[in-house]
Amino acid sequence: MRTVREVAADVIRDRVATFEEGEDGGGRYLRLIPAAPDACEVTVYPDYPTLCLGEEAHTTEMFGREADRLRELRELIAAVIAGRYEWEYRQVTRRLLSIPLYRFTRLVGTFHTTDGPWIFARQGSEPAGAVKHRSYAPYRR
C-alpha cells in the first residue's frame, strides 16, 4: 500500500526503521519495524484495513470511504512514528439503577494525531500480570 510507504519513507531511508512486506494467516501485510526497542512496531493489513500495534499486537480496523480511510491511515502511521500512540486497560462496571451488574476490562488505544485524538476500544480480559498502560518512544530521537 503506497500510503504506508510514503508516510514511512524518511524513517526507512534513514534506517530508523525497516519495512517488511509479506503474507501470513491474516493475509498480505506491510510491517514497519523501528530500530529503537521502545518504539511501536506497526503491521498494516490493507485488505481490511487493520492495524496491529506493538508486541502486544493490539488491533484496530478502519471503516468508511476509501479516501477517509487513507487519510486516517496516513495520520495513524505518522502518530506511531512520532511516538504519539499509547494504550491502557480500564476497568468498567456496568450498572442497573446504581447496582453493579458486572465488571470487565476494556483496552483503549489512543493515537494523538494532528486532527486530535483517534481512539479505539476493545472489550476483553486483561492478561494476568499485564502492564496497565504503555506509551511508546518516537522512531527518531
N, C-alpha and C. Protein backbone atom coordinates (compact mmCIF):
# COMPACT_ATOMS: atom_id res chain seq x y z
N MET A 1 0.85 -1.17 0.00
CA MET A 1 0.00 0.00 0.00
C MET A 1 0.90 1.24 0.00
N ARG A 2 0.70 2.03 -0.99
CA ARG A 2 1.54 3.20 -1.22
C ARG A 2 1.52 4.18 -0.05
N THR A 3 0.38 4.34 0.61
CA THR A 3 0.25 5.29 1.71
C THR A 3 1.25 5.00 2.83
N VAL A 4 1.36 3.74 3.23
CA VAL A 4 2.29 3.36 4.31
C VAL A 4 3.72 3.66 3.90
N ARG A 5 4.08 3.29 2.69
CA ARG A 5 5.45 3.54 2.21
C ARG A 5 5.75 5.04 2.17
N GLU A 6 4.80 5.85 1.73
CA GLU A 6 5.01 7.30 1.64
C GLU A 6 5.22 7.91 3.02
N VAL A 7 4.38 7.55 3.97
CA VAL A 7 4.48 8.13 5.32
C VAL A 7 5.78 7.71 5.98
N ALA A 8 6.22 6.48 5.74
CA ALA A 8 7.41 5.94 6.40
C ALA A 8 8.69 6.14 5.60
N ALA A 9 8.63 6.77 4.45
CA ALA A 9 9.79 6.86 3.56
C ALA A 9 11.03 7.43 4.25
N ASP A 10 10.88 8.50 5.03
CA ASP A 10 12.03 9.13 5.69
C ASP A 10 12.69 8.21 6.71
N VAL A 11 11.88 7.55 7.54
CA VAL A 11 12.47 6.70 8.58
C VAL A 11 13.08 5.43 7.99
N ILE A 12 12.53 4.97 6.88
CA ILE A 12 13.13 3.82 6.20
C ILE A 12 14.45 4.23 5.54
N ARG A 13 14.42 5.36 4.84
CA ARG A 13 15.63 5.84 4.16
C ARG A 13 16.76 6.09 5.16
N ASP A 14 16.43 6.66 6.32
CA ASP A 14 17.44 6.98 7.33
C ASP A 14 17.77 5.80 8.24
N ARG A 15 17.20 4.64 7.94
CA ARG A 15 17.45 3.40 8.68
C ARG A 15 17.05 3.49 10.15
N VAL A 16 16.04 4.30 10.40
CA VAL A 16 15.47 4.40 11.73
C VAL A 16 14.44 3.28 11.90
N ALA A 17 13.99 2.73 10.77
CA ALA A 17 13.04 1.62 10.77
C ALA A 17 13.27 0.79 9.50
N THR A 18 12.83 -0.45 9.57
CA THR A 18 12.86 -1.30 8.39
C THR A 18 11.42 -1.57 7.95
N PHE A 19 11.28 -1.87 6.68
CA PHE A 19 9.98 -2.12 6.09
C PHE A 19 9.96 -3.55 5.60
N GLU A 20 8.89 -4.25 5.92
CA GLU A 20 8.75 -5.64 5.53
C GLU A 20 7.38 -5.82 4.88
N GLU A 21 7.33 -6.63 3.85
CA GLU A 21 6.07 -6.92 3.18
C GLU A 21 5.98 -8.42 3.00
N GLY A 22 4.81 -8.99 3.23
CA GLY A 22 4.67 -10.43 3.09
C GLY A 22 3.24 -10.88 3.28
N GLU A 23 3.08 -12.18 3.53
CA GLU A 23 1.77 -12.77 3.79
C GLU A 23 1.87 -13.70 4.98
N ASP A 24 0.79 -13.72 5.77
CA ASP A 24 0.69 -14.66 6.87
C ASP A 24 -0.77 -15.08 6.99
N GLY A 25 -1.16 -15.65 8.11
CA GLY A 25 -2.53 -16.12 8.29
C GLY A 25 -3.58 -15.03 8.16
N GLY A 26 -3.19 -13.77 8.35
CA GLY A 26 -4.12 -12.65 8.21
C GLY A 26 -4.19 -12.10 6.81
N GLY A 27 -3.36 -12.62 5.90
CA GLY A 27 -3.32 -12.11 4.53
C GLY A 27 -2.07 -11.31 4.26
N ARG A 28 -2.13 -10.49 3.22
CA ARG A 28 -0.99 -9.64 2.85
C ARG A 28 -0.80 -8.55 3.90
N TYR A 29 0.46 -8.29 4.27
CA TYR A 29 0.73 -7.26 5.27
C TYR A 29 1.91 -6.39 4.88
N LEU A 30 1.95 -5.21 5.50
CA LEU A 30 3.08 -4.29 5.44
C LEU A 30 3.47 -4.02 6.88
N ARG A 31 4.75 -4.15 7.21
CA ARG A 31 5.18 -4.01 8.60
C ARG A 31 6.31 -2.98 8.69
N LEU A 32 6.18 -2.09 9.64
CA LEU A 32 7.19 -1.09 9.92
C LEU A 32 7.81 -1.44 11.28
N ILE A 33 9.11 -1.74 11.27
CA ILE A 33 9.80 -2.20 12.46
C ILE A 33 10.83 -1.15 12.87
N PRO A 34 10.61 -0.47 14.00
CA PRO A 34 11.53 0.58 14.42
C PRO A 34 12.85 0.00 14.94
N ALA A 35 13.93 0.75 14.75
CA ALA A 35 15.22 0.33 15.29
C ALA A 35 15.25 0.51 16.81
N ALA A 36 14.57 1.53 17.32
CA ALA A 36 14.52 1.79 18.76
C ALA A 36 13.63 0.75 19.44
N PRO A 37 14.13 0.06 20.46
CA PRO A 37 13.35 -1.01 21.08
C PRO A 37 12.11 -0.52 21.82
N ASP A 38 12.06 0.74 22.20
CA ASP A 38 10.90 1.26 22.94
C ASP A 38 9.91 2.01 22.04
N ALA A 39 10.09 1.90 20.73
CA ALA A 39 9.14 2.46 19.76
C ALA A 39 8.16 1.35 19.36
N CYS A 40 7.06 1.72 18.73
CA CYS A 40 5.98 0.79 18.43
C CYS A 40 6.06 0.25 17.01
N GLU A 41 6.14 -1.06 16.89
CA GLU A 41 6.04 -1.70 15.58
C GLU A 41 4.59 -1.62 15.13
N VAL A 42 4.39 -1.47 13.83
CA VAL A 42 3.02 -1.44 13.30
C VAL A 42 2.94 -2.32 12.06
N THR A 43 1.91 -3.16 12.03
CA THR A 43 1.64 -4.01 10.88
C THR A 43 0.29 -3.60 10.31
N VAL A 44 0.25 -3.38 9.01
CA VAL A 44 -0.99 -2.98 8.33
C VAL A 44 -1.41 -4.11 7.40
N TYR A 45 -2.64 -4.56 7.58
CA TYR A 45 -3.27 -5.50 6.65
C TYR A 45 -4.19 -4.66 5.78
N PRO A 46 -3.77 -4.35 4.55
CA PRO A 46 -4.51 -3.38 3.73
C PRO A 46 -5.88 -3.82 3.26
N ASP A 47 -6.16 -5.11 3.20
CA ASP A 47 -7.45 -5.56 2.68
C ASP A 47 -8.61 -5.20 3.60
N TYR A 48 -8.38 -5.04 4.88
CA TYR A 48 -9.48 -4.82 5.82
C TYR A 48 -9.87 -3.36 5.93
N PRO A 49 -9.06 -2.36 6.10
CA PRO A 49 -7.70 -2.39 6.61
C PRO A 49 -7.68 -2.53 8.14
N THR A 50 -6.65 -3.21 8.62
CA THR A 50 -6.47 -3.46 10.04
C THR A 50 -5.04 -3.08 10.41
N LEU A 51 -4.88 -2.47 11.58
CA LEU A 51 -3.56 -2.16 12.12
C LEU A 51 -3.33 -3.03 13.34
N CYS A 52 -2.15 -3.65 13.44
CA CYS A 52 -1.72 -4.40 14.62
C CYS A 52 -0.54 -3.63 15.19
N LEU A 53 -0.60 -3.34 16.49
CA LEU A 53 0.33 -2.41 17.10
C LEU A 53 1.12 -3.02 18.24
N GLY A 54 2.43 -2.79 18.21
CA GLY A 54 3.31 -3.20 19.29
C GLY A 54 3.46 -4.70 19.42
N GLU A 55 4.26 -5.10 20.40
CA GLU A 55 4.48 -6.53 20.62
C GLU A 55 3.21 -7.22 21.12
N GLU A 56 2.28 -6.43 21.67
CA GLU A 56 1.01 -6.98 22.13
C GLU A 56 0.06 -7.27 20.96
N ALA A 57 0.33 -6.67 19.81
CA ALA A 57 -0.47 -6.82 18.59
C ALA A 57 -1.92 -6.40 18.81
N HIS A 58 -2.11 -5.32 19.56
CA HIS A 58 -3.46 -4.77 19.70
C HIS A 58 -3.92 -4.33 18.32
N THR A 59 -5.18 -4.59 18.01
CA THR A 59 -5.66 -4.32 16.66
C THR A 59 -6.80 -3.32 16.62
N THR A 60 -6.86 -2.60 15.53
CA THR A 60 -7.99 -1.74 15.24
C THR A 60 -8.25 -1.80 13.74
N GLU A 61 -9.51 -1.69 13.39
CA GLU A 61 -9.90 -1.70 11.98
C GLU A 61 -10.36 -0.32 11.59
N MET A 62 -10.32 -0.06 10.30
CA MET A 62 -10.74 1.24 9.78
C MET A 62 -11.94 1.04 8.86
N PHE A 63 -12.90 1.93 8.99
CA PHE A 63 -14.13 1.84 8.21
C PHE A 63 -14.39 3.16 7.51
N GLY A 64 -15.36 3.18 6.63
CA GLY A 64 -15.74 4.41 5.94
C GLY A 64 -15.28 4.42 4.50
N ARG A 65 -15.40 5.59 3.91
CA ARG A 65 -15.00 5.75 2.50
C ARG A 65 -13.49 5.57 2.36
N GLU A 66 -13.07 5.10 1.21
CA GLU A 66 -11.65 4.83 0.98
C GLU A 66 -10.80 6.08 1.17
N ALA A 67 -11.24 7.22 0.66
CA ALA A 67 -10.47 8.46 0.80
C ALA A 67 -10.28 8.81 2.27
N ASP A 68 -11.31 8.62 3.09
CA ASP A 68 -11.21 8.90 4.52
C ASP A 68 -10.28 7.92 5.21
N ARG A 69 -10.38 6.64 4.84
CA ARG A 69 -9.50 5.63 5.44
C ARG A 69 -8.04 5.90 5.12
N LEU A 70 -7.74 6.28 3.89
CA LEU A 70 -6.34 6.56 3.51
C LEU A 70 -5.80 7.78 4.25
N ARG A 71 -6.64 8.81 4.41
CA ARG A 71 -6.22 9.99 5.17
C ARG A 71 -5.97 9.62 6.64
N GLU A 72 -6.90 8.84 7.22
CA GLU A 72 -6.72 8.40 8.61
C GLU A 72 -5.50 7.50 8.76
N LEU A 73 -5.30 6.59 7.82
CA LEU A 73 -4.14 5.70 7.88
C LEU A 73 -2.85 6.51 7.88
N ARG A 74 -2.78 7.51 7.04
CA ARG A 74 -1.61 8.39 7.00
C ARG A 74 -1.38 9.03 8.37
N GLU A 75 -2.43 9.53 8.98
CA GLU A 75 -2.34 10.17 10.30
C GLU A 75 -1.92 9.18 11.39
N LEU A 76 -2.49 7.98 11.35
CA LEU A 76 -2.19 6.99 12.39
C LEU A 76 -0.75 6.50 12.30
N ILE A 77 -0.28 6.22 11.10
CA ILE A 77 1.12 5.79 10.94
C ILE A 77 2.07 6.91 11.36
N ALA A 78 1.76 8.15 10.99
CA ALA A 78 2.59 9.29 11.38
C ALA A 78 2.62 9.43 12.91
N ALA A 79 1.48 9.20 13.57
CA ALA A 79 1.43 9.29 15.03
C ALA A 79 2.31 8.21 15.67
N VAL A 80 2.27 6.99 15.15
CA VAL A 80 3.11 5.92 15.69
C VAL A 80 4.59 6.27 15.51
N ILE A 81 4.97 6.74 14.34
CA ILE A 81 6.37 7.10 14.07
C ILE A 81 6.83 8.21 15.01
N ALA A 82 5.94 9.15 15.31
CA ALA A 82 6.28 10.29 16.17
C ALA A 82 6.21 9.94 17.66
N GLY A 83 5.81 8.70 18.00
CA GLY A 83 5.71 8.30 19.40
C GLY A 83 4.45 8.84 20.06
N ARG A 84 3.40 9.03 19.27
CA ARG A 84 2.16 9.58 19.81
C ARG A 84 1.03 8.56 19.80
N TYR A 85 1.37 7.32 20.13
CA TYR A 85 0.38 6.26 20.30
C TYR A 85 0.58 5.67 21.69
N GLU A 86 -0.52 5.40 22.38
CA GLU A 86 -0.47 4.77 23.70
C GLU A 86 -1.73 3.94 23.90
N TRP A 87 -1.69 3.05 24.87
CA TRP A 87 -2.87 2.26 25.20
C TRP A 87 -2.91 2.04 26.70
N GLU A 88 -4.11 1.68 27.18
CA GLU A 88 -4.27 1.36 28.59
C GLU A 88 -5.45 0.41 28.78
N TYR A 89 -5.41 -0.34 29.88
CA TYR A 89 -6.54 -1.17 30.28
C TYR A 89 -7.36 -0.37 31.28
N ARG A 90 -8.67 -0.34 31.08
CA ARG A 90 -9.58 0.35 32.00
C ARG A 90 -10.60 -0.65 32.52
N GLN A 91 -10.86 -0.58 33.81
CA GLN A 91 -11.91 -1.40 34.40
C GLN A 91 -13.24 -0.67 34.27
N VAL A 92 -14.23 -1.36 33.76
CA VAL A 92 -15.55 -0.76 33.53
C VAL A 92 -16.57 -1.57 34.31
N THR A 93 -17.49 -0.88 34.99
CA THR A 93 -18.56 -1.53 35.72
C THR A 93 -19.89 -1.17 35.07
N ARG A 94 -20.65 -2.16 34.69
CA ARG A 94 -21.99 -1.93 34.16
C ARG A 94 -22.97 -1.98 35.33
N ARG A 95 -23.84 -0.98 35.36
CA ARG A 95 -24.79 -0.87 36.46
C ARG A 95 -26.22 -0.83 35.95
N LEU A 96 -27.12 -1.21 36.83
CA LEU A 96 -28.55 -1.06 36.59
C LEU A 96 -29.12 -0.41 37.84
N LEU A 97 -29.61 0.83 37.69
CA LEU A 97 -30.14 1.58 38.83
C LEU A 97 -29.13 1.64 39.97
N SER A 98 -27.92 1.96 39.65
CA SER A 98 -26.78 2.09 40.56
C SER A 98 -26.35 0.78 41.23
N ILE A 99 -26.89 -0.33 40.80
CA ILE A 99 -26.45 -1.64 41.31
C ILE A 99 -25.46 -2.22 40.32
N PRO A 100 -24.24 -2.51 40.79
CA PRO A 100 -23.25 -3.08 39.87
C PRO A 100 -23.68 -4.47 39.39
N LEU A 101 -23.73 -4.63 38.07
CA LEU A 101 -24.10 -5.92 37.49
C LEU A 101 -22.88 -6.77 37.20
N TYR A 102 -21.91 -6.17 36.52
CA TYR A 102 -20.69 -6.90 36.20
C TYR A 102 -19.58 -5.91 35.85
N ARG A 103 -18.35 -6.41 35.92
CA ARG A 103 -17.16 -5.63 35.58
C ARG A 103 -16.43 -6.31 34.43
N PHE A 104 -15.79 -5.50 33.64
CA PHE A 104 -14.97 -6.06 32.57
C PHE A 104 -13.82 -5.10 32.29
N THR A 105 -12.87 -5.59 31.54
CA THR A 105 -11.70 -4.79 31.17
C THR A 105 -11.88 -4.32 29.74
N ARG A 106 -11.53 -3.07 29.51
CA ARG A 106 -11.59 -2.50 28.17
C ARG A 106 -10.18 -2.01 27.82
N LEU A 107 -9.70 -2.41 26.66
CA LEU A 107 -8.45 -1.89 26.13
C LEU A 107 -8.80 -0.61 25.36
N VAL A 108 -8.13 0.48 25.67
CA VAL A 108 -8.35 1.74 24.98
C VAL A 108 -7.01 2.19 24.40
N GLY A 109 -6.97 2.31 23.08
CA GLY A 109 -5.77 2.79 22.39
C GLY A 109 -6.03 4.19 21.86
N THR A 110 -5.03 5.05 21.97
CA THR A 110 -5.18 6.44 21.53
C THR A 110 -4.00 6.84 20.64
N PHE A 111 -4.33 7.31 19.44
CA PHE A 111 -3.37 7.92 18.54
C PHE A 111 -3.55 9.42 18.68
N HIS A 112 -2.52 10.14 19.00
CA HIS A 112 -2.59 11.59 19.11
C HIS A 112 -2.18 12.16 17.75
N THR A 113 -3.18 12.41 16.89
CA THR A 113 -2.93 12.87 15.53
C THR A 113 -3.02 14.39 15.46
N THR A 114 -2.65 14.94 14.32
CA THR A 114 -2.75 16.40 14.14
C THR A 114 -4.21 16.83 14.09
N ASP A 115 -5.14 15.91 13.82
CA ASP A 115 -6.58 16.21 13.82
C ASP A 115 -7.20 16.02 15.20
N GLY A 116 -6.40 15.64 16.19
CA GLY A 116 -6.92 15.35 17.53
C GLY A 116 -6.80 13.87 17.83
N PRO A 117 -7.28 13.44 19.00
CA PRO A 117 -7.14 12.02 19.35
C PRO A 117 -8.03 11.12 18.49
N TRP A 118 -7.47 9.98 18.11
CA TRP A 118 -8.20 8.94 17.38
C TRP A 118 -8.16 7.73 18.30
N ILE A 119 -9.32 7.33 18.82
CA ILE A 119 -9.39 6.33 19.89
C ILE A 119 -10.11 5.08 19.41
N PHE A 120 -9.59 3.93 19.82
CA PHE A 120 -10.29 2.67 19.60
C PHE A 120 -10.38 1.94 20.93
N ALA A 121 -11.40 1.12 21.09
CA ALA A 121 -11.59 0.37 22.33
C ALA A 121 -12.03 -1.04 22.00
N ARG A 122 -11.57 -1.97 22.79
CA ARG A 122 -11.92 -3.38 22.66
C ARG A 122 -12.27 -3.92 24.05
N GLN A 123 -13.36 -4.64 24.14
CA GLN A 123 -13.71 -5.29 25.39
C GLN A 123 -13.02 -6.63 25.43
N GLY A 124 -12.58 -7.02 26.60
CA GLY A 124 -11.93 -8.30 26.74
C GLY A 124 -11.26 -8.41 28.09
N SER A 125 -10.64 -9.51 28.32
CA SER A 125 -10.00 -9.71 29.61
C SER A 125 -8.55 -9.24 29.55
N GLU A 126 -8.11 -8.70 30.65
CA GLU A 126 -6.73 -8.25 30.79
C GLU A 126 -5.88 -9.46 31.13
N PRO A 127 -4.81 -9.68 30.39
CA PRO A 127 -3.95 -10.82 30.70
C PRO A 127 -3.37 -10.72 32.11
N ALA A 128 -3.23 -11.84 32.78
CA ALA A 128 -2.68 -11.87 34.13
C ALA A 128 -1.29 -11.23 34.14
N GLY A 129 -1.05 -10.35 35.08
CA GLY A 129 0.24 -9.69 35.22
C GLY A 129 0.54 -8.67 34.15
N ALA A 130 -0.47 -8.26 33.42
CA ALA A 130 -0.26 -7.33 32.31
C ALA A 130 0.06 -5.93 32.79
N VAL A 131 0.79 -5.22 31.96
CA VAL A 131 1.04 -3.80 32.17
C VAL A 131 -0.30 -3.09 31.97
N LYS A 132 -0.58 -2.06 32.77
CA LYS A 132 -1.87 -1.37 32.68
C LYS A 132 -1.87 -0.25 31.64
N HIS A 133 -0.71 0.30 31.34
CA HIS A 133 -0.61 1.43 30.41
C HIS A 133 0.74 1.37 29.71
N ARG A 134 0.75 1.77 28.45
CA ARG A 134 2.03 1.83 27.75
C ARG A 134 1.99 2.94 26.72
N SER A 135 3.05 3.72 26.73
CA SER A 135 3.25 4.70 25.66
C SER A 135 4.57 4.33 24.99
N TYR A 136 4.77 4.86 23.80
CA TYR A 136 5.93 4.46 23.00
C TYR A 136 6.80 5.66 22.65
N ALA A 137 8.06 5.38 22.43
CA ALA A 137 9.02 6.41 22.03
C ALA A 137 8.88 6.68 20.53
N PRO A 138 9.29 7.86 20.10
CA PRO A 138 9.32 8.13 18.67
C PRO A 138 10.40 7.31 17.98
N TYR A 139 10.25 7.09 16.69
CA TYR A 139 11.26 6.36 15.93
C TYR A 139 12.57 7.14 15.91
N ARG A 140 12.48 8.45 15.82
CA ARG A 140 13.68 9.30 15.83
C ARG A 140 13.85 9.89 17.22
N ARG A 141 15.07 9.98 17.65
CA ARG A 141 15.37 10.58 18.97
C ARG A 141 15.79 12.00 18.81
